[in-house]
Each structure stands twice: as structure tokens, then as C-alpha cells.
PDB file of N, CA and C in Angstrom:
ATOM      1  N   LYS A   1      92.794 126.152 129.913  1.00  0.00           N
ATOM      2  CA  LYS A   1      94.114 126.135 128.972  1.00  0.00           C
ATOM      3  C   LYS A   1      93.731 125.547 127.691  1.00  0.00           C
ATOM      4  N   ILE A   2      94.214 126.063 126.579  1.00  0.00           N
ATOM      5  CA  ILE A   2      94.037 125.354 125.144  1.00  0.00           C
ATOM      6  C   ILE A   2      95.496 125.221 124.844  1.00  0.00           C
ATOM      7  N   ASP A   3      95.917 123.920 124.557  1.00  0.00           N
ATOM      8  CA  ASP A   3      96.990 123.516 124.162  1.00  0.00           C
ATOM      9  C   ASP A   3      97.049 123.647 122.804  1.00  0.00           C
ATOM     10  N   VAL A   4      98.359 123.993 121.974  1.00  0.00           N
ATOM     11  CA  VAL A   4      98.582 124.215 120.810  1.00  0.00           C
ATOM     12  C   VAL A   4      99.792 123.801 120.522  1.00  0.00           C
ATOM     13  N   ALA A   5     100.064 122.837 119.484  1.00  0.00           N
ATOM     14  CA  ALA A   5     101.052 122.249 119.164  1.00  0.00           C
ATOM     15  C   ALA A   5     101.633 122.763 117.847  1.00  0.00           C
ATOM     16  N   LEU A   6     102.851 123.395 117.750  1.00  0.00           N
ATOM     17  CA  LEU A   6     103.238 123.756 116.121  1.00  0.00           C
ATOM     18  C   LEU A   6     104.583 123.324 116.374  1.00  0.00           C
ATOM     19  N   VAL A   7     104.834 122.787 115.228  1.00  0.00           N
ATOM     20  CA  VAL A   7     106.046 121.962 114.895  1.00  0.00           C
ATOM     21  C   VAL A   7     106.620 121.838 113.659  1.00  0.00           C
ATOM     22  N   GLY A   8     107.671 122.149 113.231  1.00  0.00           N
ATOM     23  CA  GLY A   8     108.052 121.890 111.797  1.00  0.00           C
ATOM     24  C   GLY A   8     108.006 120.576 111.029  1.00  0.00           C
ATOM     25  N   GLU A   9     108.521 119.642 111.639  1.00  0.00           N
ATOM     26  CA  GLU A   9     108.671 118.200 110.987  1.00  0.00           C
ATOM     27  C   GLU A   9     108.638 117.430 112.219  1.00  0.00           C
ATOM     28  N   PRO A  10     107.336 116.949 112.788  1.00  0.00           N
ATOM     29  CA  PRO A  10     107.279 116.075 113.778  1.00  0.00           C
ATOM     30  C   PRO A  10     107.525 114.636 113.244  1.00  0.00           C
ATOM     31  N   THR A  11     108.057 113.583 114.134  1.00  0.00           N
ATOM     32  CA  THR A  11     108.012 112.513 113.725  1.00  0.00           C
ATOM     33  C   THR A  11     107.675 111.706 115.116  1.00  0.00           C
ATOM     34  N   GLY A  12     106.463 111.013 114.888  1.00  0.00           N
ATOM     35  CA  GLY A  12     105.923 110.295 116.202  1.00  0.00           C
ATOM     36  C   GLY A  12     104.533 110.750 116.217  1.00  0.00           C
ATOM     37  N   MET A  13     104.076 111.429 117.370  1.00  0.00           N
ATOM     38  CA  MET A  13     102.748 111.813 117.886  1.00  0.00           C
ATOM     39  C   MET A  13     102.887 113.255 118.170  1.00  0.00           C
ATOM     40  N   GLN A  14     101.728 114.023 117.617  1.00  0.00           N
ATOM     41  CA  GLN A  14     101.523 115.427 118.246  1.00  0.00           C
ATOM     42  C   GLN A  14     100.110 115.371 118.743  1.00  0.00           C
ATOM     43  N   MET A  15     100.074 115.936 119.942  1.00  0.00           N
ATOM     44  CA  MET A  15      98.740 115.631 120.530  1.00  0.00           C
ATOM     45  C   MET A  15      98.528 117.019 121.142  1.00  0.00           C
ATOM     46  N   ALA A  16      97.401 117.630 120.837  1.00  0.00           N
ATOM     47  CA  ALA A  16      97.015 119.021 121.513  1.00  0.00           C
ATOM     48  C   ALA A  16      95.597 119.256 120.968  1.00  0.00           C
ATOM     49  N   VAL A  17      94.955 120.242 121.361  1.00  0.00           N
ATOM     50  CA  VAL A  17      93.626 120.795 121.058  1.00  0.00           C
ATOM     51  C   VAL A  17      93.859 121.259 119.351  1.00  0.00           C
ATOM     52  N   PHE A  18      95.028 122.026 119.047  1.00  0.00           N
ATOM     53  CA  PHE A  18      95.128 122.443 117.813  1.00  0.00           C
ATOM     54  C   PHE A  18      96.627 121.939 117.456  1.00  0.00           C
ATOM     55  N   ASN A  19      96.640 121.167 116.276  1.00  0.00           N
ATOM     56  CA  ASN A  19      97.933 120.635 115.820  1.00  0.00           C
ATOM     57  C   ASN A  19      98.364 121.341 114.754  1.00  0.00           C
ATOM     58  N   SER A  20      99.532 121.746 114.231  1.00  0.00           N
ATOM     59  CA  SER A  20      99.898 122.081 113.132  1.00  0.00           C
ATOM     60  C   SER A  20     101.411 121.832 112.935  1.00  0.00           C
ATOM     61  N   ALA A  21     101.625 121.427 111.549  1.00  0.00           N
ATOM     62  CA  ALA A  21     102.916 120.780 111.357  1.00  0.00           C
ATOM     63  C   ALA A  21     103.054 120.973 109.553  1.00  0.00           C
ATOM     64  N   GLU A  22     104.263 121.292 109.398  1.00  0.00           N
ATOM     65  CA  GLU A  22     104.834 121.720 108.109  1.00  0.00           C
ATOM     66  C   GLU A  22     104.617 120.121 107.285  1.00  0.00           C
ATOM     67  N   ARG A  23     105.411 119.394 108.046  1.00  0.00           N
ATOM     68  CA  ARG A  23     105.684 117.864 107.588  1.00  0.00           C
ATOM     69  C   ARG A  23     105.290 116.944 108.444  1.00  0.00           C
ATOM     70  N   LEU A  24     104.402 116.085 108.384  1.00  0.00           N
ATOM     71  CA  LEU A  24     104.076 115.054 109.352  1.00  0.00           C
ATOM     72  C   LEU A  24     104.620 113.880 109.135  1.00  0.00           C
ATOM     73  N   MET A  25     105.171 112.928 110.024  1.00  0.00           N
ATOM     74  CA  MET A  25     105.517 111.721 109.935  1.00  0.00           C
ATOM     75  C   MET A  25     104.969 110.795 111.215  1.00  0.00           C
ATOM     76  N   GLY A  26     103.879 110.413 111.076  1.00  0.00           N
ATOM     77  CA  GLY A  26     103.081 109.903 112.380  1.00  0.00           C
ATOM     78  C   GLY A  26     101.960 110.164 112.644  1.00  0.00           C
ATOM     79  N   LEU A  27     101.321 110.569 114.034  1.00  0.00           N
ATOM     80  CA  LEU A  27     100.007 110.798 114.132  1.00  0.00           C
ATOM     81  C   LEU A  27      99.722 112.048 114.795  1.00  0.00           C
ATOM     82  N   GLN A  28      98.537 112.663 114.138  1.00  0.00           N
ATOM     83  CA  GLN A  28      98.145 113.995 114.833  1.00  0.00           C
ATOM     84  C   GLN A  28      96.858 113.485 115.598  1.00  0.00           C
ATOM     85  N   LEU A  29      96.574 113.960 116.728  1.00  0.00           N
ATOM     86  CA  LEU A  29      95.533 113.785 117.409  1.00  0.00           C
ATOM     87  C   LEU A  29      95.047 114.936 118.388  1.00  0.00           C
ATOM     88  N   GLY A  30      94.125 115.456 117.985  1.00  0.00           N
ATOM     89  CA  GLY A  30      93.313 116.751 118.474  1.00  0.00           C
ATOM     90  C   GLY A  30      92.041 117.169 117.909  1.00  0.00           C
ATOM     91  N   ALA A  31      91.591 118.284 118.076  1.00  0.00           N
ATOM     92  CA  ALA A  31      90.532 118.810 117.763  1.00  0.00           C
ATOM     93  C   ALA A  31      90.308 119.284 116.246  1.00  0.00           C
ATOM     94  N   VAL A  32      91.628 120.073 116.111  1.00  0.00           N
ATOM     95  CA  VAL A  32      91.864 120.505 114.783  1.00  0.00           C
ATOM     96  C   VAL A  32      93.357 120.209 114.337  1.00  0.00           C
ATOM     97  N   ASN A  33      93.521 119.385 113.233  1.00  0.00           N
ATOM     98  CA  ASN A  33      94.762 119.000 112.794  1.00  0.00           C
ATOM     99  C   ASN A  33      95.005 119.625 111.339  1.00  0.00           C
ATOM    100  N   SER A  34      96.424 120.181 111.261  1.00  0.00           N
ATOM    101  CA  SER A  34      96.719 120.680 110.003  1.00  0.00           C
ATOM    102  C   SER A  34      98.125 120.455 109.682  1.00  0.00           C
ATOM    103  N   THR A  35      98.248 119.981 108.417  1.00  0.00           N
ATOM    104  CA  THR A  35      99.769 119.807 107.972  1.00  0.00           C
ATOM    105  C   THR A  35      99.607 120.034 106.459  1.00  0.00           C
ATOM    106  N   THR A  36     100.853 120.519 105.980  1.00  0.00           N
ATOM    107  CA  THR A  36     101.136 120.704 104.438  1.00  0.00           C
ATOM    108  C   THR A  36     101.163 119.250 103.866  1.00  0.00           C
ATOM    109  N   CYS A  37     102.035 118.447 104.277  1.00  0.00           N
ATOM    110  CA  CYS A  37     102.078 117.005 103.697  1.00  0.00           C
ATOM    111  C   CYS A  37     102.652 116.153 104.666  1.00  0.00           C
ATOM    112  N   GLY A  38     102.651 114.799 104.335  1.00  0.00           N
ATOM    113  CA  GLY A  38     103.059 113.806 105.381  1.00  0.00           C
ATOM    114  C   GLY A  38     102.628 112.331 105.050  1.00  0.00           C
ATOM    115  N   SER A  39     102.992 111.524 105.999  1.00  0.00           N
ATOM    116  CA  SER A  39     102.463 110.343 105.913  1.00  0.00           C
ATOM    117  C   SER A  39     101.952 109.954 107.424  1.00  0.00           C
ATOM    118  N   GLY A  40     100.933 109.277 107.725  1.00  0.00           N
ATOM    119  CA  GLY A  40     100.330 109.018 108.907  1.00  0.00           C
ATOM    120  C   GLY A  40      98.814 108.940 109.011  1.00  0.00           C
ATOM    121  N   VAL A  41      98.705 109.348 110.274  1.00  0.00           N
ATOM    122  CA  VAL A  41      97.066 109.384 110.301  1.00  0.00           C
ATOM    123  C   VAL A  41      96.716 110.823 111.118  1.00  0.00           C
ATOM    124  N   GLN A  42      95.653 111.365 110.607  1.00  0.00           N
ATOM    125  CA  GLN A  42      95.034 112.470 111.648  1.00  0.00           C
ATOM    126  C   GLN A  42      93.776 112.100 112.068  1.00  0.00           C
ATOM    127  N   PHE A  43      93.704 112.391 113.303  1.00  0.00           N
ATOM    128  CA  PHE A  43      92.234 111.736 113.945  1.00  0.00           C
ATOM    129  C   PHE A  43      91.977 113.027 114.665  1.00  0.00           C
ATOM    130  N   GLY A  44      90.720 113.631 114.498  1.00  0.00           N
ATOM    131  CA  GLY A  44      90.227 114.786 115.222  1.00  0.00           C
ATOM    132  C   GLY A  44      88.860 115.266 114.412  1.00  0.00           C
ATOM    133  N   VAL A  45      88.268 116.427 115.027  1.00  0.00           N
ATOM    134  CA  VAL A  45      87.095 116.892 114.520  1.00  0.00           C
ATOM    135  C   VAL A  45      87.405 117.413 113.223  1.00  0.00           C
ATOM    136  N   ILE A  46      88.453 118.306 112.742  1.00  0.00           N
ATOM    137  CA  ILE A  46      88.775 118.757 111.579  1.00  0.00           C
ATOM    138  C   ILE A  46      90.166 118.519 111.230  1.00  0.00           C
ATOM    139  N   ASN A  47      90.525 117.929 110.181  1.00  0.00           N
ATOM    140  CA  ASN A  47      91.552 117.431 109.468  1.00  0.00           C
ATOM    141  C   ASN A  47      91.992 117.979 108.124  1.00  0.00           C
ATOM    142  N   THR A  48      92.906 118.741 108.104  1.00  0.00           N
ATOM    143  CA  THR A  48      93.191 119.233 106.629  1.00  0.00           C
ATOM    144  C   THR A  48      94.537 119.121 106.347  1.00  0.00           C
ATOM    145  N   THR A  49      94.910 118.887 104.919  1.00  0.00           N
ATOM    146  CA  THR A  49      96.303 118.641 104.497  1.00  0.00           C
ATOM    147  C   THR A  49      96.247 118.963 103.011  1.00  0.00           C
ATOM    148  N   GLU A  50      97.442 119.334 102.515  1.00  0.00           N
ATOM    149  CA  GLU A  50      97.723 119.377 100.928  1.00  0.00           C
ATOM    150  C   GLU A  50      97.808 118.044 100.600  1.00  0.00           C
ATOM    151  N   ARG A  51      98.731 117.418 100.874  1.00  0.00           N
ATOM    152  CA  ARG A  51      99.152 115.940 100.567  1.00  0.00           C
ATOM    153  C   ARG A  51      99.148 114.944 101.941  1.00  0.00           C
ATOM    154  N   LEU A  52      98.628 114.028 101.740  1.00  0.00           N
ATOM    155  CA  LEU A  52      98.875 112.959 103.063  1.00  0.00           C
ATOM    156  C   LEU A  52      98.866 111.363 102.357  1.00  0.00           C
ATOM    157  N   LYS A  53      99.706 110.530 103.038  1.00  0.00           N
ATOM    158  CA  LYS A  53      99.861 108.931 102.706  1.00  0.00           C
ATOM    159  C   LYS A  53      99.118 108.504 103.759  1.00  0.00           C
ATOM    160  N   GLY A  54      97.930 108.066 103.757  1.00  0.00           N
ATOM    161  CA  GLY A  54      97.475 107.616 104.996  1.00  0.00           C
ATOM    162  C   GLY A  54      95.756 108.200 105.281  1.00  0.00           C
ATOM    163  N   PRO A  55      95.086 107.613 106.274  1.00  0.00           N
ATOM    164  CA  PRO A  55      93.806 108.216 106.743  1.00  0.00           C
ATOM    165  C   PRO A  55      93.700 109.424 107.432  1.00  0.00           C
ATOM    166  N   GLN A  56      92.613 109.936 107.291  1.00  0.00           N
ATOM    167  CA  GLN A  56      91.865 110.913 108.055  1.00  0.00           C
ATOM    168  C   GLN A  56      90.852 110.674 108.746  1.00  0.00           C
ATOM    169  N   ILE A  57      90.555 110.793 109.988  1.00  0.00           N
ATOM    170  CA  ILE A  57      89.528 110.165 110.769  1.00  0.00           C
ATOM    171  C   ILE A  57      88.678 111.327 111.550  1.00  0.00           C
ATOM    172  N   GLY A  58      87.515 111.880 110.986  1.00  0.00           N
ATOM    173  CA  GLY A  58      87.029 112.602 111.978  1.00  0.00           C
ATOM    174  C   GLY A  58      85.668 113.360 111.249  1.00  0.00           C
ATOM    175  N   VAL A  59      84.955 114.588 111.665  1.00  0.00           N
ATOM    176  CA  VAL A  59      83.783 115.004 111.173  1.00  0.00           C
ATOM    177  C   VAL A  59      84.182 115.944 109.689  1.00  0.00           C
ATOM    178  N   ILE A  60      85.291 116.638 109.531  1.00  0.00           N
ATOM    179  CA  ILE A  60      85.571 117.223 108.364  1.00  0.00           C
ATOM    180  C   ILE A  60      86.839 116.770 108.188  1.00  0.00           C
ATOM    181  N   ASN A  61      87.310 116.041 106.979  1.00  0.00           N
ATOM    182  CA  ASN A  61      88.519 115.720 106.424  1.00  0.00           C
ATOM    183  C   ASN A  61      88.688 116.203 104.897  1.00  0.00           C
ATOM    184  N   ILE A  62      90.072 116.819 104.882  1.00  0.00           N
ATOM    185  CA  ILE A  62      90.242 117.628 103.596  1.00  0.00           C
ATOM    186  C   ILE A  62      91.697 117.177 103.213  1.00  0.00           C
ATOM    187  N   ILE A  63      91.792 116.573 102.106  1.00  0.00           N
ATOM    188  CA  ILE A  63      93.182 116.387 101.372  1.00  0.00           C
ATOM    189  C   ILE A  63      93.065 117.005 100.110  1.00  0.00           C
ATOM    190  N   ARG A  64      93.749 118.195  99.861  1.00  0.00           N
ATOM    191  CA  ARG A  64      93.466 118.964  98.858  1.00  0.00           C
ATOM    192  C   ARG A  64      93.981 118.266  97.358  1.00  0.00           C
ATOM    193  N   GLU A  65      94.913 117.694  97.590  1.00  0.00           N
ATOM    194  CA  GLU A  65      95.565 116.965  96.458  1.00  0.00           C
ATOM    195  C   GLU A  65      95.248 115.591  96.470  1.00  0.00           C
ATOM    196  N   SER A  66      93.940 115.212  96.420  1.00  0.00           N
ATOM    197  CA  SER A  66      93.310 113.795  96.365  1.00  0.00           C
ATOM    198  C   SER A  66      92.218 113.802  95.384  1.00  0.00           C
ATOM    199  N   SER A  67      91.842 112.520  95.054  1.00  0.00           N
ATOM    200  CA  SER A  67      90.623 112.293  93.976  1.00  0.00           C
ATOM    201  C   SER A  67      89.516 112.791  94.920  1.00  0.00           C
ATOM    202  N   PHE A  68      89.259 112.566  96.220  1.00  0.00           N
ATOM    203  CA  PHE A  68      88.015 113.191  96.887  1.00  0.00           C
ATOM    204  C   PHE A  68      88.675 114.370  97.808  1.00  0.00           C
ATOM    205  N   PRO A  69      89.017 115.382  97.610  1.00  0.00           N
ATOM    206  CA  PRO A  69      89.496 116.511  98.372  1.00  0.00           C
ATOM    207  C   PRO A  69      88.758 116.389  99.786  1.00  0.00           C
ATOM    208  N   PHE A  70      87.340 116.319  99.790  1.00  0.00           N
ATOM    209  CA  PHE A  70      86.553 116.526 101.062  1.00  0.00           C
ATOM    210  C   PHE A  70      85.842 115.374 101.253  1.00  0.00           C
ATOM    211  N   LEU A  71      85.772 114.569 102.634  1.00  0.00           N
ATOM    212  CA  LEU A  71      85.034 113.431 102.746  1.00  0.00           C
ATOM    213  C   LEU A  71      84.645 113.406 104.307  1.00  0.00           C
ATOM    214  N   PRO A  72      83.440 113.336 104.845  1.00  0.00           N
ATOM    215  CA  PRO A  72      83.144 113.296 106.322  1.00  0.00           C
ATOM    216  C   PRO A  72      83.348 111.733 106.732  1.00  0.00           C
ATOM    217  N   ILE A  73      83.615 111.640 107.967  1.00  0.00           N
ATOM    218  CA  ILE A  73      84.121 110.495 108.877  1.00  0.00           C
ATOM    219  C   ILE A  73      85.449 109.983 108.541  1.00  0.00           C
ATOM    220  N   ILE A  74      85.785 109.594 107.225  1.00  0.00           N
ATOM    221  CA  ILE A  74      86.998 109.021 106.938  1.00  0.00           C
ATOM    222  C   ILE A  74      87.369 109.350 105.308  1.00  0.00           C
ATOM    223  N   ASN A  75      88.800 109.820 105.338  1.00  0.00           N
ATOM    224  CA  ASN A  75      89.253 110.121 104.091  1.00  0.00           C
ATOM    225  C   ASN A  75      90.644 109.464 103.906  1.00  0.00           C
ATOM    226  N   CYS A  76      90.974 109.126 102.831  1.00  0.00           N
ATOM    227  CA  CYS A  76      92.501 108.326 102.826  1.00  0.00           C
ATOM    228  C   CYS A  76      92.946 108.589 101.450  1.00  0.00           C
ATOM    229  N   ALA A  77      94.303 108.761 101.465  1.00  0.00           N
ATOM    230  CA  ALA A  77      95.032 109.149 100.075  1.00  0.00           C
ATOM    231  C   ALA A  77      96.052 108.093 100.280  1.00  0.00           C
ATOM    232  N   PHE A  78      96.831 107.498  99.136  1.00  0.00           N
ATOM    233  CA  PHE A  78      98.062 106.932  99.142  1.00  0.00           C
ATOM    234  C   PHE A  78      98.698 107.029  97.989  1.00  0.00           C
TER     235      PHE A  78
END
């Protein structure tokens, strides 16, 4: 079974193999994490977002509206 968490605006923690949210306030924990914007932490293999206040920890980390849009291992925007 593959878990998928699709939520509009989660507050707290989103935990599944694939996580997707419009606006995140908290933690995303999974293999693939995607959000449009938010504040908190993304922890997974692939993390992607347009805007984020906080860190991403994983193999591929993308914050499109950042000084460094792509960094491996850890990426942060504040």
C-alpha cells in the first residue's frame, strides 16, 4: 500500500510516502514532499516548494523563490 496525503492547508504534521499541500504550517515527513508555500520543515528524499520559511532536509531540495533554488542534503529560506 502506498500512502498519499493531500491536504489544502495542514497545521501540524503530514506523514505519508507522498505529501502534497497548498499551504504548510508544520512538518512534512515522507519520500516526496510538495507544497506551494508555508513555514516549517520538509524532511524526505525529494522536497519541493515555491516559498518556504524553514529548512528542507533530503537528497533533492528545491525552493523556487530562494537565493539558492536547489541544494542537496539541506536547503533553507527565511
